[in-house]
Amino acid sequence: LRALSDLVITAALKALPMPKSGFDRDRFWRESHLTGAVAEALMRRLSLPLNPDEVFLSGCLCNVGKLVMAYCFPPLATKVSRDVDDPEVLVTWRKAETAYNFPDHCVLGEIASTLWGFPEYIMFAARRHHEVPSGGRLRDLDLGDLVAFANQMTHWIMLRPHRIEYEVIRGFQAKSGLSETEVEKIALELGALRRHLEATAASA
């Protein structure tokens, strides 16, 4: 029931009227759903003892801070979206935010999750989805580590190498024990998941 409640709130966010800007809301939600699916697929592949509903929703909403920017600061959202998509610039979203002296969307996501009444696990994922996993072993991987890795793998399978924060992937490798070859294999498997989701959306 709690997961259903969180899904209803997520659906309400999708229907939220947005000010006009260069921020592509439809693309944001497509990528958000993909990140959720990637996070859940990784959880199952690694046999992590986490709740799959919470994992999926955390992946879907980890970037909710970007939605806050688009809703509250549309001119800035336009600039950041433009820079991220410009082949002459090729920066990550966070670097574009920094260039305009704007707060990190991780912080915005944490604040918004609290104000909108999301459960702690979503607030946790929003705040930590760019943190580099550190220390411990596979059994010590938590939701924040998993969502951070899923977020980077989404950029990988979307063929956007300039958006990848490789230190996050290396940190996850070290903590999970995955080799570089295994990570590449996972990326290939997740590419098939992306194509399946795209085909499903196109036929709907």
Protein backbone atom coordinates (compact mmCIF):
# COMPACT_ATOMS: atom_id res chain seq x y z
CA LEU A 1 0.00 0.00 0.00
CA ARG A 2 2.83 2.35 0.78
CA ALA A 3 4.45 1.66 -2.59
CA LEU A 4 1.10 2.24 -4.30
CA SER A 5 0.78 5.57 -2.48
CA ASP A 6 4.23 6.57 -3.70
CA LEU A 7 3.31 5.56 -7.26
CA VAL A 8 0.20 7.76 -7.09
CA ILE A 9 2.31 10.73 -5.98
CA THR A 10 4.73 10.01 -8.82
CA ALA A 11 1.85 9.98 -11.30
CA ALA A 12 0.68 13.30 -9.91
CA LEU A 13 4.13 14.76 -10.48
CA LYS A 14 4.03 13.58 -14.10
CA ALA A 15 0.77 15.49 -14.60
CA LEU A 16 2.12 18.66 -12.96
CA PRO A 17 1.81 21.61 -15.40
CA MET A 18 5.30 22.88 -16.19
CA PRO A 19 6.35 26.41 -17.15
CA LYS A 20 7.64 26.72 -20.69
CA SER A 21 11.36 26.03 -20.93
CA GLY A 22 13.94 24.00 -22.79
CA PHE A 23 13.56 21.20 -20.26
CA ASP A 24 12.02 18.16 -21.96
CA ARG A 25 9.61 16.74 -19.37
CA ASP A 26 8.66 13.70 -21.44
CA ARG A 27 12.29 12.73 -21.91
CA PHE A 28 12.92 13.26 -18.22
CA TRP A 29 10.21 10.77 -17.29
CA ARG A 30 11.29 8.24 -19.93
CA GLU A 31 14.80 8.30 -18.53
CA SER A 32 13.49 8.22 -14.96
CA HIS A 33 11.48 5.07 -15.63
CA LEU A 34 14.50 3.53 -17.32
CA THR A 35 16.68 4.32 -14.30
CA GLY A 36 14.10 2.66 -12.05
CA ALA A 37 14.01 -0.43 -14.24
CA VAL A 38 17.81 -0.54 -14.39
CA ALA A 39 18.06 -0.27 -10.59
CA GLU A 40 15.60 -3.12 -10.11
CA ALA A 41 17.34 -5.29 -12.72
CA LEU A 42 20.70 -4.70 -11.01
CA MET A 43 19.21 -5.55 -7.61
CA ARG A 44 17.95 -8.88 -8.91
CA ARG A 45 21.16 -9.66 -10.79
CA LEU A 46 23.29 -9.07 -7.69
CA SER A 47 20.73 -10.74 -5.37
CA LEU A 48 20.70 -7.73 -3.06
CA PRO A 49 18.29 -8.00 -0.09
CA LEU A 50 16.34 -4.85 -0.96
CA ASN A 51 12.65 -4.18 -1.58
CA PRO A 52 12.12 -4.17 -5.39
CA ASP A 53 9.28 -1.61 -5.23
CA GLU A 54 11.44 0.76 -3.21
CA VAL A 55 14.37 0.21 -5.54
CA PHE A 56 12.29 0.96 -8.64
CA LEU A 57 10.71 4.10 -7.17
CA SER A 58 14.06 5.33 -5.84
CA GLY A 59 15.56 4.99 -9.31
CA CYS A 60 12.59 6.73 -10.90
CA LEU A 61 12.71 9.67 -8.51
CA CYS A 62 16.40 10.07 -7.75
CA ASN A 63 16.63 12.98 -10.20
CA VAL A 64 13.51 14.74 -8.96
CA GLY A 65 15.66 17.79 -8.17
CA LYS A 66 15.88 18.46 -11.91
CA LEU A 67 12.10 18.64 -11.99
CA VAL A 68 12.22 21.22 -9.21
CA MET A 69 14.63 23.33 -11.22
CA ALA A 70 12.42 23.13 -14.33
CA TYR A 71 9.33 24.09 -12.35
CA CYS A 72 10.81 26.87 -10.20
CA PHE A 73 13.62 28.19 -12.40
CA PRO A 74 12.66 27.58 -16.06
CA PRO A 75 15.24 29.98 -17.60
CA LEU A 76 18.03 28.18 -15.76
CA ALA A 77 16.61 24.78 -16.68
CA THR A 78 16.74 25.91 -20.31
CA LYS A 79 20.43 26.86 -20.01
CA VAL A 80 21.44 23.66 -18.26
CA SER A 81 19.45 21.46 -20.69
CA ARG A 82 21.01 23.29 -23.62
CA ASP A 83 24.56 22.83 -22.32
CA VAL A 84 24.06 19.15 -21.52
CA ASP A 85 22.75 18.43 -25.04
CA ASP A 86 25.20 20.70 -26.91
CA PRO A 87 27.87 18.58 -28.69
CA GLU A 88 30.22 21.54 -28.43
CA VAL A 89 29.94 21.62 -24.64
CA LEU A 90 29.33 18.03 -23.50
CA VAL A 91 29.12 18.42 -19.75
CA THR A 92 27.33 16.54 -17.01
CA TRP A 93 24.19 18.05 -15.52
CA ARG A 94 25.99 18.79 -12.24
CA LYS A 95 28.85 20.58 -13.97
CA ALA A 96 26.35 22.73 -15.86
CA GLU A 97 24.63 23.56 -12.56
CA THR A 98 27.95 24.57 -11.06
CA ALA A 99 28.78 26.75 -14.06
CA TYR A 100 25.65 28.81 -13.33
CA ASN A 101 26.28 28.86 -9.55
CA PHE A 102 23.08 26.92 -8.95
CA PRO A 103 22.49 24.46 -6.07
CA ASP A 104 23.07 20.78 -6.75
CA HIS A 105 19.90 19.00 -7.91
CA CYS A 106 20.69 16.32 -5.31
CA VAL A 107 20.04 18.88 -2.57
CA LEU A 108 16.91 20.15 -4.33
CA GLY A 109 15.66 16.58 -4.64
CA GLU A 110 16.19 15.89 -0.97
CA ILE A 111 14.30 19.05 0.02
CA ALA A 112 11.45 18.38 -2.44
CA SER A 113 11.12 14.76 -1.26
CA THR A 114 10.64 16.04 2.27
CA LEU A 115 8.15 18.75 1.33
CA TRP A 116 6.11 16.42 -0.87
CA GLY A 117 5.92 13.74 1.80
CA PHE A 118 7.95 11.06 0.04
CA PRO A 119 9.29 8.30 2.28
CA GLU A 120 12.81 8.47 3.60
CA TYR A 121 14.19 5.97 1.10
CA ILE A 122 13.35 8.28 -1.83
CA MET A 123 14.84 11.29 -0.05
CA PHE A 124 17.92 9.14 0.61
CA ALA A 125 18.25 8.17 -3.07
CA ALA A 126 17.72 11.74 -4.28
CA ARG A 127 20.48 12.99 -2.00
CA ARG A 128 22.99 10.21 -2.67
CA HIS A 129 22.57 9.23 -6.31
CA HIS A 130 25.85 10.88 -7.32
CA GLU A 131 27.90 9.76 -4.31
CA VAL A 132 30.81 7.41 -4.94
CA PRO A 133 30.26 4.07 -3.13
CA SER A 134 33.06 3.51 -0.67
CA GLY A 135 34.29 0.80 1.68
CA GLY A 136 32.64 -2.45 2.57
CA ARG A 137 31.81 -5.47 0.44
CA LEU A 138 28.92 -6.67 -1.71
CA ARG A 139 26.78 -7.46 1.32
CA ASP A 140 27.26 -3.85 2.49
CA LEU A 141 25.81 -2.28 -0.68
CA ASP A 142 22.80 -0.15 0.19
CA LEU A 143 20.04 1.57 -1.76
CA GLY A 144 22.09 4.73 -2.28
CA ASP A 145 24.99 2.76 -3.80
CA LEU A 146 22.66 0.84 -6.10
CA VAL A 147 20.77 3.90 -7.36
CA ALA A 148 24.02 5.81 -7.91
CA PHE A 149 25.30 2.96 -10.08
CA ALA A 150 21.97 2.59 -11.90
CA ASN A 151 21.96 6.31 -12.67
CA GLN A 152 25.38 6.05 -14.32
CA MET A 153 24.49 2.85 -16.18
CA THR A 154 21.46 4.61 -17.62
CA HIS A 155 23.78 7.18 -19.21
CA TRP A 156 25.94 4.32 -20.46
CA ILE A 157 23.14 2.43 -22.19
CA MET A 158 21.71 5.69 -23.55
CA LEU A 159 25.12 6.14 -25.27
CA ARG A 160 26.00 9.38 -23.48
CA PRO A 161 29.58 8.86 -22.31
CA HIS A 162 30.03 12.55 -21.51
CA ARG A 163 27.35 12.26 -18.82
CA ILE A 164 28.98 9.31 -17.04
CA GLU A 165 30.77 9.88 -13.74
CA TYR A 166 33.27 7.05 -13.97
CA GLU A 167 34.38 7.43 -10.35
CA VAL A 168 30.89 6.28 -9.29
CA ILE A 169 31.16 3.17 -11.47
CA ARG A 170 34.68 2.40 -10.18
CA GLY A 171 33.51 2.87 -6.60
CA PHE A 172 30.63 0.44 -7.17
CA GLN A 173 32.99 -2.05 -8.80
CA ALA A 174 35.30 -1.93 -5.81
CA LYS A 175 32.47 -2.41 -3.31
CA SER A 176 30.60 -5.07 -5.28
CA GLY A 177 33.62 -7.00 -6.52
CA LEU A 178 32.51 -6.69 -10.14
CA SER A 179 35.24 -6.68 -12.76
CA GLU A 180 35.35 -4.24 -15.66
CA THR A 181 34.36 -7.07 -17.99
CA GLU A 182 31.35 -7.90 -15.83
CA VAL A 183 30.24 -4.26 -15.80
CA GLU A 184 30.47 -4.16 -19.60
CA LYS A 185 28.41 -7.36 -19.79
CA ILE A 186 25.78 -5.82 -17.51
CA ALA A 187 25.67 -2.75 -19.77
CA LEU A 188 24.94 -4.99 -22.77
CA GLU A 189 22.16 -6.76 -20.88
CA LEU A 190 20.67 -3.43 -19.79
CA GLY A 191 20.80 -2.18 -23.38
CA ALA A 192 18.33 -4.94 -24.24
CA LEU A 193 16.13 -3.76 -21.35
CA ARG A 194 16.19 -0.22 -22.72
CA ARG A 195 15.13 -1.40 -26.18
CA HIS A 196 12.33 -3.48 -24.67
CA LEU A 197 10.99 -0.52 -22.70
CA GLU A 198 11.18 1.73 -25.75
CA ALA A 199 9.31 -0.82 -27.87
CA THR A 200 6.66 -1.22 -25.17
CA ALA A 201 6.18 2.54 -24.91
CA ALA A 202 5.94 2.88 -28.70
CA SER A 203 3.21 0.21 -28.92
CA ALA A 204 1.18 1.61 -26.02
